Amino acid sequence: FSKAMDDCNKAIRLSPIDDNALCLRAAVYGNMDQYEKAIDDCNKAININPGRAHPFFVRASLFYNQKDEYQKAIDDCNKAIQLDPAIGGAVAVRAMAYCNLGQYSKAIPDYNQAIKLEPKTESMILYRAHAWAALNEQDKVIEDCNRVIELNHHCADAFGQRAFAYVSLGKNKQAIDDFSRVISISRDARAFM
C-alpha cells in the first residue's frame, strides 16, 4: 500500500482540498487498519464537499469494518443514499449493518435495491439469502441460492445455505445432495458442518 499512499499524499499536497484524493487515502488507511486516520480523511472530505455522497459511503464502510459501529454506518449510508440514490455500495453496506444489528426485515429492501443495481452480484444475493434464513423464509433462501448457483455452479456457500434451508423444510434428500456438492467443491467443507 506504500505506493498508493505516496500517490495520495502527492495529490493532497498539490491540492489540499481534493476530496477525492482524501477519500482514496482514507481507503488506503482503512486497508492498513489505520481507521482513525481514515475516518479523519473522510471527515475532511465531507467538510470540503458536504454535498458529495462518496465520502459518506467511504466513512460508512470504515465504520462497518472498523469497530462494528453499525449504527454510524447506517447513518452515513442514509446520507450517501440521500445525496445519490444510485450509490449501490452504500445500499449494500447499510443492508449488512442492519443484519449485524439483527434488523433483517430492514435489510431485505436494501439487498433488493443493491441486487437491482447490480443483478449479477453473487455476494449480495447470498447475503439476502442469509437474511431470509434469519426470518425463517426458507423458500426464499432456496430461490436466492438457486439464482447464485445459476450464476456460479461452484459456489459452495450457495449449496451449503440451500442445504440448511432444505433441512429446515424437512427435505432431507435435497439437503444431502447439496451437502455432498459442498464437500465435492469446497476445500473446507467443515465450515458448513
C-alpha atoms as a PDB file:
ATOM      1  CA  PHE A   1       0.000   0.000   0.000  1.00  0.00           C
ATOM      2  CA  SER A   2       3.002   2.308   0.234  1.00  0.00           C
ATOM      3  CA  LYS A   3       2.872   3.299  -3.462  1.00  0.00           C
ATOM      4  CA  ALA A   4      -0.831   4.084  -3.222  1.00  0.00           C
ATOM      5  CA  MET A   5      -0.237   6.102  -0.048  1.00  0.00           C
ATOM      6  CA  ASP A   6       2.605   8.034  -1.718  1.00  0.00           C
ATOM      7  CA  ASP A   7       0.388   8.833  -4.715  1.00  0.00           C
ATOM      8  CA  CYS A   8      -2.458  10.020  -2.479  1.00  0.00           C
ATOM      9  CA  ASN A   9      -0.123  12.151  -0.382  1.00  0.00           C
ATOM     10  CA  LYS A  10       1.302  13.768  -3.528  1.00  0.00           C
ATOM     11  CA  ALA A  11      -2.195  14.556  -4.815  1.00  0.00           C
ATOM     12  CA  ILE A  12      -3.203  16.055  -1.465  1.00  0.00           C
ATOM     13  CA  ARG A  13      -0.017  18.162  -1.296  1.00  0.00           C
ATOM     14  CA  LEU A  14      -0.808  19.506  -4.770  1.00  0.00           C
ATOM     15  CA  SER A  15      -4.438  20.188  -3.883  1.00  0.00           C
ATOM     16  CA  PRO A  16      -5.279  20.010  -0.163  1.00  0.00           C
ATOM     17  CA  ILE A  17      -8.973  20.466  -0.966  1.00  0.00           C
ATOM     18  CA  ASP A  18      -9.168  17.452  -3.295  1.00  0.00           C
ATOM     19  CA  ASP A  19     -11.935  15.470  -1.586  1.00  0.00           C
ATOM     20  CA  ASN A  20     -11.449  12.559  -3.984  1.00  0.00           C
ATOM     21  CA  ALA A  21      -7.765  12.196  -3.043  1.00  0.00           C
ATOM     22  CA  LEU A  22      -8.735  12.321   0.628  1.00  0.00           C
ATOM     23  CA  CYS A  23     -11.280   9.532   0.083  1.00  0.00           C
ATOM     24  CA  LEU A  24      -8.701   7.446  -1.751  1.00  0.00           C
ATOM     25  CA  ARG A  25      -6.194   7.938   1.049  1.00  0.00           C
ATOM     26  CA  ALA A  26      -8.912   7.056   3.571  1.00  0.00           C
ATOM     27  CA  ALA A  27      -9.462   3.768   1.730  1.00  0.00           C
ATOM     28  CA  VAL A  28      -5.719   3.070   1.804  1.00  0.00           C
ATOM     29  CA  TYR A  29      -5.589   3.841   5.529  1.00  0.00           C
ATOM     30  CA  GLY A  30      -8.541   1.502   6.020  1.00  0.00           C
ATOM     31  CA  ASN A  31      -6.727  -1.289   4.203  1.00  0.00           C
ATOM     32  CA  MET A  32      -3.781  -0.661   6.517  1.00  0.00           C
ATOM     33  CA  ASP A  33      -6.067  -0.903   9.600  1.00  0.00           C
ATOM     34  CA  GLN A  34      -5.402   2.752  10.442  1.00  0.00           C
ATOM     35  CA  TYR A  35      -9.066   3.580  10.904  1.00  0.00           C
ATOM     36  CA  GLU A  36      -8.730   6.805  12.888  1.00  0.00           C
ATOM     37  CA  LYS A  37      -6.624   8.364  10.122  1.00  0.00           C
ATOM     38  CA  ALA A  38      -9.044   7.020   7.527  1.00  0.00           C
ATOM     39  CA  ILE A  39     -12.071   8.492   9.259  1.00  0.00           C
ATOM     40  CA  ASP A  40     -10.230  11.780   9.722  1.00  0.00           C
ATOM     41  CA  ASP A  41      -9.640  11.957   5.951  1.00  0.00           C
ATOM     42  CA  CYS A  42     -13.327  11.214   5.316  1.00  0.00           C
ATOM     43  CA  ASN A  43     -14.313  13.967   7.728  1.00  0.00           C
ATOM     44  CA  LYS A  44     -12.031  16.390   5.878  1.00  0.00           C
ATOM     45  CA  ALA A  45     -13.527  15.356   2.530  1.00  0.00           C
ATOM     46  CA  ILE A  46     -17.042  15.836   3.905  1.00  0.00           C
ATOM     47  CA  ASN A  47     -16.134  19.298   5.197  1.00  0.00           C
ATOM     48  CA  ILE A  48     -14.728  20.218   1.783  1.00  0.00           C
ATOM     49  CA  ASN A  49     -17.706  18.914  -0.187  1.00  0.00           C
ATOM     50  CA  PRO A  50     -20.687  18.068   2.062  1.00  0.00           C
ATOM     51  CA  GLY A  51     -22.950  17.540  -0.951  1.00  0.00           C
ATOM     52  CA  ARG A  52     -20.983  14.584  -2.312  1.00  0.00           C
ATOM     53  CA  ALA A  53     -22.110  11.042  -1.471  1.00  0.00           C
ATOM     54  CA  HIS A  54     -18.803   9.220  -1.866  1.00  0.00           C
ATOM     55  CA  PRO A  55     -17.071  10.446   1.336  1.00  0.00           C
ATOM     56  CA  PHE A  56     -20.108   9.385   3.388  1.00  0.00           C
ATOM     57  CA  PHE A  57     -20.027   5.954   1.723  1.00  0.00           C
ATOM     58  CA  VAL A  58     -16.302   5.514   2.399  1.00  0.00           C
ATOM     59  CA  ARG A  59     -16.750   6.548   6.031  1.00  0.00           C
ATOM     60  CA  ALA A  60     -19.749   4.194   6.370  1.00  0.00           C
ATOM     61  CA  SER A  61     -17.608   1.329   5.081  1.00  0.00           C
ATOM     62  CA  LEU A  62     -14.932   2.196   7.629  1.00  0.00           C
ATOM     63  CA  PHE A  63     -17.450   2.337  10.488  1.00  0.00           C
ATOM     64  CA  TYR A  64     -18.857  -1.003   9.350  1.00  0.00           C
ATOM     65  CA  ASN A  65     -15.469  -2.702   9.101  1.00  0.00           C
ATOM     66  CA  GLN A  66     -13.690  -0.860  11.900  1.00  0.00           C
ATOM     67  CA  LYS A  67     -15.253  -1.382  15.260  1.00  0.00           C
ATOM     68  CA  ASP A  68     -18.643  -2.793  14.463  1.00  0.00           C
ATOM     69  CA  GLU A  69     -20.160   0.693  14.644  1.00  0.00           C
ATOM     70  CA  TYR A  70     -23.171  -0.363  12.645  1.00  0.00           C
ATOM     71  CA  GLN A  71     -25.499   2.488  13.566  1.00  0.00           C
ATOM     72  CA  LYS A  72     -22.900   5.055  12.478  1.00  0.00           C
ATOM     73  CA  ALA A  73     -22.500   3.114   9.236  1.00  0.00           C
ATOM     74  CA  ILE A  74     -26.272   3.193   8.705  1.00  0.00           C
ATOM     75  CA  ASP A  75     -26.389   6.942   9.380  1.00  0.00           C
ATOM     76  CA  ASP A  76     -23.631   7.628   6.829  1.00  0.00           C
ATOM     77  CA  CYS A  77     -25.242   5.293   4.297  1.00  0.00           C
ATOM     78  CA  ASN A  78     -28.533   7.149   4.731  1.00  0.00           C
ATOM     79  CA  LYS A  79     -26.754  10.424   3.967  1.00  0.00           C
ATOM     80  CA  ALA A  80     -24.915   8.963   0.965  1.00  0.00           C
ATOM     81  CA  ILE A  81     -28.138   7.494  -0.436  1.00  0.00           C
ATOM     82  CA  GLN A  82     -29.956  10.785   0.137  1.00  0.00           C
ATOM     83  CA  LEU A  83     -27.258  12.550  -1.898  1.00  0.00           C
ATOM     84  CA  ASP A  84     -27.030   9.842  -4.594  1.00  0.00           C
ATOM     85  CA  PRO A  85     -29.784   7.181  -4.660  1.00  0.00           C
ATOM     86  CA  ALA A  86     -27.818   5.131  -7.216  1.00  0.00           C
ATOM     87  CA  ILE A  87     -24.824   4.561  -4.921  1.00  0.00           C
ATOM     88  CA  GLY A  88     -25.229   0.805  -4.678  1.00  0.00           C
ATOM     89  CA  GLY A  89     -22.301   0.309  -2.325  1.00  0.00           C
ATOM     90  CA  ALA A  90     -23.970   2.401   0.364  1.00  0.00           C
ATOM     91  CA  VAL A  91     -27.201   0.444  -0.003  1.00  0.00           C
ATOM     92  CA  ALA A  92     -25.247  -2.816   0.383  1.00  0.00           C
ATOM     93  CA  VAL A  93     -23.268  -1.629   3.426  1.00  0.00           C
ATOM     94  CA  ARG A  94     -26.471  -0.424   5.070  1.00  0.00           C
ATOM     95  CA  ALA A  95     -28.106  -3.815   4.460  1.00  0.00           C
ATOM     96  CA  MET A  96     -25.166  -5.630   6.034  1.00  0.00           C
ATOM     97  CA  ALA A  97     -25.179  -3.255   9.004  1.00  0.00           C
ATOM     98  CA  TYR A  98     -28.897  -3.877   9.534  1.00  0.00           C
ATOM     99  CA  CYS A  99     -28.225  -7.625   9.537  1.00  0.00           C
ATOM    100  CA  ASN A 100     -25.467  -7.235  12.089  1.00  0.00           C
ATOM    101  CA  LEU A 101     -27.953  -5.375  14.294  1.00  0.00           C
ATOM    102  CA  GLY A 102     -30.451  -8.220  13.829  1.00  0.00           C
ATOM    103  CA  GLN A 103     -32.780  -5.990  11.786  1.00  0.00           C
ATOM    104  CA  TYR A 104     -33.227  -8.441   8.926  1.00  0.00           C
ATOM    105  CA  SER A 105     -36.569  -7.108   7.719  1.00  0.00           C
ATOM    106  CA  LYS A 106     -34.925  -3.698   7.205  1.00  0.00           C
ATOM    107  CA  ALA A 107     -32.033  -5.321   5.355  1.00  0.00           C
ATOM    108  CA  ILE A 108     -34.173  -7.114   2.749  1.00  0.00           C
ATOM    109  CA  PRO A 109     -35.324  -3.970   0.853  1.00  0.00           C
ATOM    110  CA  ASP A 110     -31.715  -2.749   0.746  1.00  0.00           C
ATOM    111  CA  TYR A 111     -30.493  -6.074  -0.584  1.00  0.00           C
ATOM    112  CA  ASN A 112     -33.286  -5.921  -3.170  1.00  0.00           C
ATOM    113  CA  GLN A 113     -32.108  -2.464  -4.238  1.00  0.00           C
ATOM    114  CA  ALA A 114     -28.434  -3.473  -4.322  1.00  0.00           C
ATOM    115  CA  ILE A 115     -29.292  -6.518  -6.444  1.00  0.00           C
ATOM    116  CA  LYS A 116     -31.447  -4.369  -8.730  1.00  0.00           C
ATOM    117  CA  LEU A 117     -28.480  -2.035  -9.254  1.00  0.00           C
ATOM    118  CA  GLU A 118     -26.100  -4.977  -9.869  1.00  0.00           C
ATOM    119  CA  PRO A 119     -28.171  -8.097 -10.688  1.00  0.00           C
ATOM    120  CA  LYS A 120     -25.241 -10.488 -11.037  1.00  0.00           C
ATOM    121  CA  THR A 121     -23.652  -9.745  -7.675  1.00  0.00           C
ATOM    122  CA  GLU A 122     -23.488 -13.188  -6.086  1.00  0.00           C
ATOM    123  CA  SER A 123     -22.458 -11.889  -2.682  1.00  0.00           C
ATOM    124  CA  MET A 124     -25.495  -9.612  -2.307  1.00  0.00           C
ATOM    125  CA  ILE A 125     -27.844 -12.410  -3.323  1.00  0.00           C
ATOM    126  CA  LEU A 126     -26.193 -14.721  -0.776  1.00  0.00           C
ATOM    127  CA  TYR A 127     -26.350 -12.072   1.944  1.00  0.00           C
ATOM    128  CA  ARG A 128     -30.042 -11.664   1.219  1.00  0.00           C
ATOM    129  CA  ALA A 129     -30.443 -15.445   1.486  1.00  0.00           C
ATOM    130  CA  HIS A 130     -28.858 -15.281   4.945  1.00  0.00           C
ATOM    131  CA  ALA A 131     -31.330 -12.549   5.921  1.00  0.00           C
ATOM    132  CA  TRP A 132     -34.218 -14.648   4.610  1.00  0.00           C
ATOM    133  CA  ALA A 133     -32.914 -17.573   6.687  1.00  0.00           C
ATOM    134  CA  ALA A 134     -32.869 -15.414   9.817  1.00  0.00           C
ATOM    135  CA  LEU A 135     -36.508 -14.531   9.077  1.00  0.00           C
ATOM    136  CA  ASN A 136     -37.266 -18.253   8.607  1.00  0.00           C
ATOM    137  CA  GLU A 137     -38.274 -17.717   4.956  1.00  0.00           C
ATOM    138  CA  GLN A 138     -36.705 -20.942   3.698  1.00  0.00           C
ATOM    139  CA  ASP A 139     -38.415 -20.924   0.283  1.00  0.00           C
ATOM    140  CA  LYS A 140     -36.892 -17.504  -0.406  1.00  0.00           C
ATOM    141  CA  VAL A 141     -33.492 -18.774   0.782  1.00  0.00           C
ATOM    142  CA  ILE A 142     -33.762 -21.563  -1.782  1.00  0.00           C
ATOM    143  CA  GLU A 143     -34.786 -19.113  -4.544  1.00  0.00           C
ATOM    144  CA  ASP A 144     -31.767 -16.898  -3.843  1.00  0.00           C
ATOM    145  CA  CYS A 145     -29.393 -19.846  -3.624  1.00  0.00           C
ATOM    146  CA  ASN A 146     -30.749 -21.199  -6.914  1.00  0.00           C
ATOM    147  CA  ARG A 147     -30.071 -17.827  -8.502  1.00  0.00           C
ATOM    148  CA  VAL A 148     -26.482 -17.798  -7.233  1.00  0.00           C
ATOM    149  CA  ILE A 149     -25.942 -21.375  -8.420  1.00  0.00           C
ATOM    150  CA  GLU A 150     -27.186 -20.339 -11.880  1.00  0.00           C
ATOM    151  CA  LEU A 151     -24.510 -17.634 -11.869  1.00  0.00           C
ATOM    152  CA  ASN A 152     -21.786 -19.828 -10.373  1.00  0.00           C
ATOM    153  CA  HIS A 153     -22.117 -23.630 -10.356  1.00  0.00           C
ATOM    154  CA  HIS A 154     -19.154 -23.874  -7.967  1.00  0.00           C
ATOM    155  CA  CYS A 155     -20.410 -21.642  -5.147  1.00  0.00           C
ATOM    156  CA  ALA A 156     -20.131 -23.820  -2.051  1.00  0.00           C
ATOM    157  CA  ASP A 157     -21.787 -21.131   0.085  1.00  0.00           C
ATOM    158  CA  ALA A 158     -24.950 -21.255  -2.033  1.00  0.00           C
ATOM    159  CA  PHE A 159     -25.134 -25.048  -1.889  1.00  0.00           C
ATOM    160  CA  GLY A 160     -24.494 -25.001   1.853  1.00  0.00           C
ATOM    161  CA  GLN A 161     -27.080 -22.322   2.595  1.00  0.00           C
ATOM    162  CA  ARG A 162     -29.609 -24.098   0.392  1.00  0.00           C
ATOM    163  CA  ALA A 163     -28.885 -27.400   2.150  1.00  0.00           C
ATOM    164  CA  PHE A 164     -29.693 -25.868   5.536  1.00  0.00           C
ATOM    165  CA  ALA A 165     -32.928 -24.451   4.105  1.00  0.00           C
ATOM    166  CA  TYR A 166     -33.847 -27.891   2.830  1.00  0.00           C
ATOM    167  CA  VAL A 167     -33.152 -29.355   6.290  1.00  0.00           C
ATOM    168  CA  SER A 168     -35.469 -26.744   7.830  1.00  0.00           C
ATOM    169  CA  LEU A 169     -38.183 -27.763   5.382  1.00  0.00           C
ATOM    170  CA  GLY A 170     -37.674 -31.480   6.030  1.00  0.00           C
ATOM    171  CA  LYS A 171     -36.380 -32.081   2.505  1.00  0.00           C
ATOM    172  CA  ASN A 172     -33.545 -34.323   3.619  1.00  0.00           C
ATOM    173  CA  LYS A 173     -32.758 -35.900   0.228  1.00  0.00           C
ATOM    174  CA  GLN A 174     -32.171 -32.471  -1.343  1.00  0.00           C
ATOM    175  CA  ALA A 175     -30.157 -31.395   1.725  1.00  0.00           C
ATOM    176  CA  ILE A 176     -27.897 -34.437   1.468  1.00  0.00           C
ATOM    177  CA  ASP A 177     -27.385 -33.798  -2.252  1.00  0.00           C
ATOM    178  CA  ASP A 178     -26.372 -30.193  -1.550  1.00  0.00           C
ATOM    179  CA  PHE A 179     -24.091 -31.100   1.357  1.00  0.00           C
ATOM    180  CA  SER A 180     -22.431 -33.671  -0.909  1.00  0.00           C
ATOM    181  CA  ARG A 181     -21.941 -30.960  -3.508  1.00  0.00           C
ATOM    182  CA  VAL A 182     -20.358 -28.682  -0.873  1.00  0.00           C
ATOM    183  CA  ILE A 183     -17.920 -31.448   0.034  1.00  0.00           C
ATOM    184  CA  SER A 184     -17.012 -32.033  -3.612  1.00  0.00           C
ATOM    185  CA  ILE A 185     -16.273 -28.360  -4.395  1.00  0.00           C
ATOM    186  CA  SER A 186     -15.108 -26.884  -1.108  1.00  0.00           C
ATOM    187  CA  ARG A 187     -11.615 -27.057   0.296  1.00  0.00           C
ATOM    188  CA  ASP A 188     -13.015 -26.595   3.772  1.00  0.00           C
ATOM    189  CA  ALA A 189     -16.407 -28.274   3.936  1.00  0.00           C
ATOM    190  CA  ARG A 190     -16.109 -28.315   7.746  1.00  0.00           C
ATOM    191  CA  ALA A 191     -17.210 -24.653   7.703  1.00  0.00           C
ATOM    192  CA  PHE A 192     -20.707 -25.858   6.787  1.00  0.00           C
ATOM    193  CA  MET A 193     -20.986 -28.604   9.380  1.00  0.00           C
END
